[in-house]
């Protein structure tokens, strides 16, 4: 394997890892924004949200 091929493979692997990292973080943010805790009432504890 030549030096040029190794360099291109290393760059491609780094870009693939970067894309995977960004995609995982976008997924976590999307899940966090979509999830909503249920409004539960507990004595002497204010609700989790003001709309409860």
C-alpha atoms as a PDB file:
ATOM      1  CA  UNK A   1       0.000   0.000   0.000  1.00  0.00           C
ATOM      2  CA  UNK A   2       1.467   3.328  -0.991  1.00  0.00           C
ATOM      3  CA  UNK A   3       1.758   6.341   1.236  1.00  0.00           C
ATOM      4  CA  UNK A   4      -0.897   8.227  -0.741  1.00  0.00           C
ATOM      5  CA  UNK A   5      -3.432   5.422  -0.359  1.00  0.00           C
ATOM      6  CA  UNK A   6      -2.742   5.185   3.373  1.00  0.00           C
ATOM      7  CA  UNK A   7      -3.212   8.925   3.728  1.00  0.00           C
ATOM      8  CA  UNK A   8      -6.539   8.839   1.861  1.00  0.00           C
ATOM      9  CA  UNK A   9      -7.738   5.897   3.959  1.00  0.00           C
ATOM     10  CA  UNK A  10      -6.790   7.695   7.169  1.00  0.00           C
ATOM     11  CA  UNK A  11      -8.629  10.841   6.072  1.00  0.00           C
ATOM     12  CA  UNK A  12     -11.678   8.815   5.017  1.00  0.00           C
ATOM     13  CA  UNK A  13     -11.717   6.986   8.368  1.00  0.00           C
ATOM     14  CA  UNK A  14     -11.415  10.268  10.273  1.00  0.00           C
ATOM     15  CA  UNK A  15     -14.269  11.789   8.271  1.00  0.00           C
ATOM     16  CA  UNK A  16     -16.419   8.686   8.823  1.00  0.00           C
ATOM     17  CA  UNK A  17     -15.826   8.893  12.585  1.00  0.00           C
ATOM     18  CA  UNK A  18     -16.639  12.596  12.566  1.00  0.00           C
ATOM     19  CA  UNK A  19     -19.895  11.985  10.675  1.00  0.00           C
ATOM     20  CA  UNK A  20     -20.818   9.190  13.092  1.00  0.00           C
ATOM     21  CA  UNK A  21     -20.082  11.418  16.094  1.00  0.00           C
ATOM     22  CA  UNK A  22     -22.166  14.296  14.725  1.00  0.00           C
ATOM     23  CA  UNK A  23     -25.038  11.975  13.788  1.00  0.00           C
ATOM     24  CA  UNK A  24     -25.088  10.456  17.282  1.00  0.00           C
ATOM     25  CA  UNK A  25     -25.203  13.895  18.895  1.00  0.00           C
ATOM     26  CA  UNK A  26     -27.970  15.079  16.562  1.00  0.00           C
ATOM     27  CA  UNK A  27     -29.940  11.952  17.448  1.00  0.00           C
ATOM     28  CA  UNK A  28     -29.493  12.570  21.180  1.00  0.00           C
ATOM     29  CA  UNK A  29     -30.645  16.174  20.830  1.00  0.00           C
ATOM     30  CA  UNK A  30     -33.660  15.128  18.754  1.00  0.00           C
ATOM     31  CA  UNK A  31     -34.668  12.490  21.294  1.00  0.00           C
ATOM     32  CA  UNK A  32     -34.247  14.950  24.163  1.00  0.00           C
ATOM     33  CA  UNK A  33     -36.430  17.534  22.439  1.00  0.00           C
ATOM     34  CA  UNK A  34     -39.141  14.988  21.581  1.00  0.00           C
ATOM     35  CA  UNK A  35     -39.331  13.402  25.022  1.00  0.00           C
ATOM     36  CA  UNK A  36     -41.551  15.030  27.573  1.00  0.00           C
ATOM     37  CA  UNK A  37     -41.879  13.972  31.157  1.00  0.00           C
ATOM     38  CA  UNK A  38     -45.348  13.107  32.338  1.00  0.00           C
ATOM     39  CA  UNK A  39     -47.056  15.478  34.712  1.00  0.00           C
ATOM     40  CA  UNK A  40     -47.280  13.693  38.026  1.00  0.00           C
ATOM     41  CA  UNK A  41     -48.521  15.044  41.292  1.00  0.00           C
ATOM     42  CA  UNK A  42     -46.562  14.359  44.430  1.00  0.00           C
ATOM     43  CA  UNK A  43     -47.450  15.886  47.756  1.00  0.00           C
ATOM     44  CA  UNK A  44     -45.459  19.003  48.705  1.00  0.00           C
ATOM     45  CA  UNK A  45     -43.517  18.954  45.425  1.00  0.00           C
ATOM     46  CA  UNK A  46     -44.120  21.479  42.634  1.00  0.00           C
ATOM     47  CA  UNK A  47     -44.908  20.057  39.173  1.00  0.00           C
ATOM     48  CA  UNK A  48     -42.116  19.375  36.729  1.00  0.00           C
ATOM     49  CA  UNK A  49     -43.593  21.870  34.254  1.00  0.00           C
ATOM     50  CA  UNK A  50     -45.545  25.045  34.710  1.00  0.00           C
ATOM     51  CA  UNK A  51     -48.318  23.761  32.439  1.00  0.00           C
ATOM     52  CA  UNK A  52     -49.100  20.814  34.734  1.00  0.00           C
END
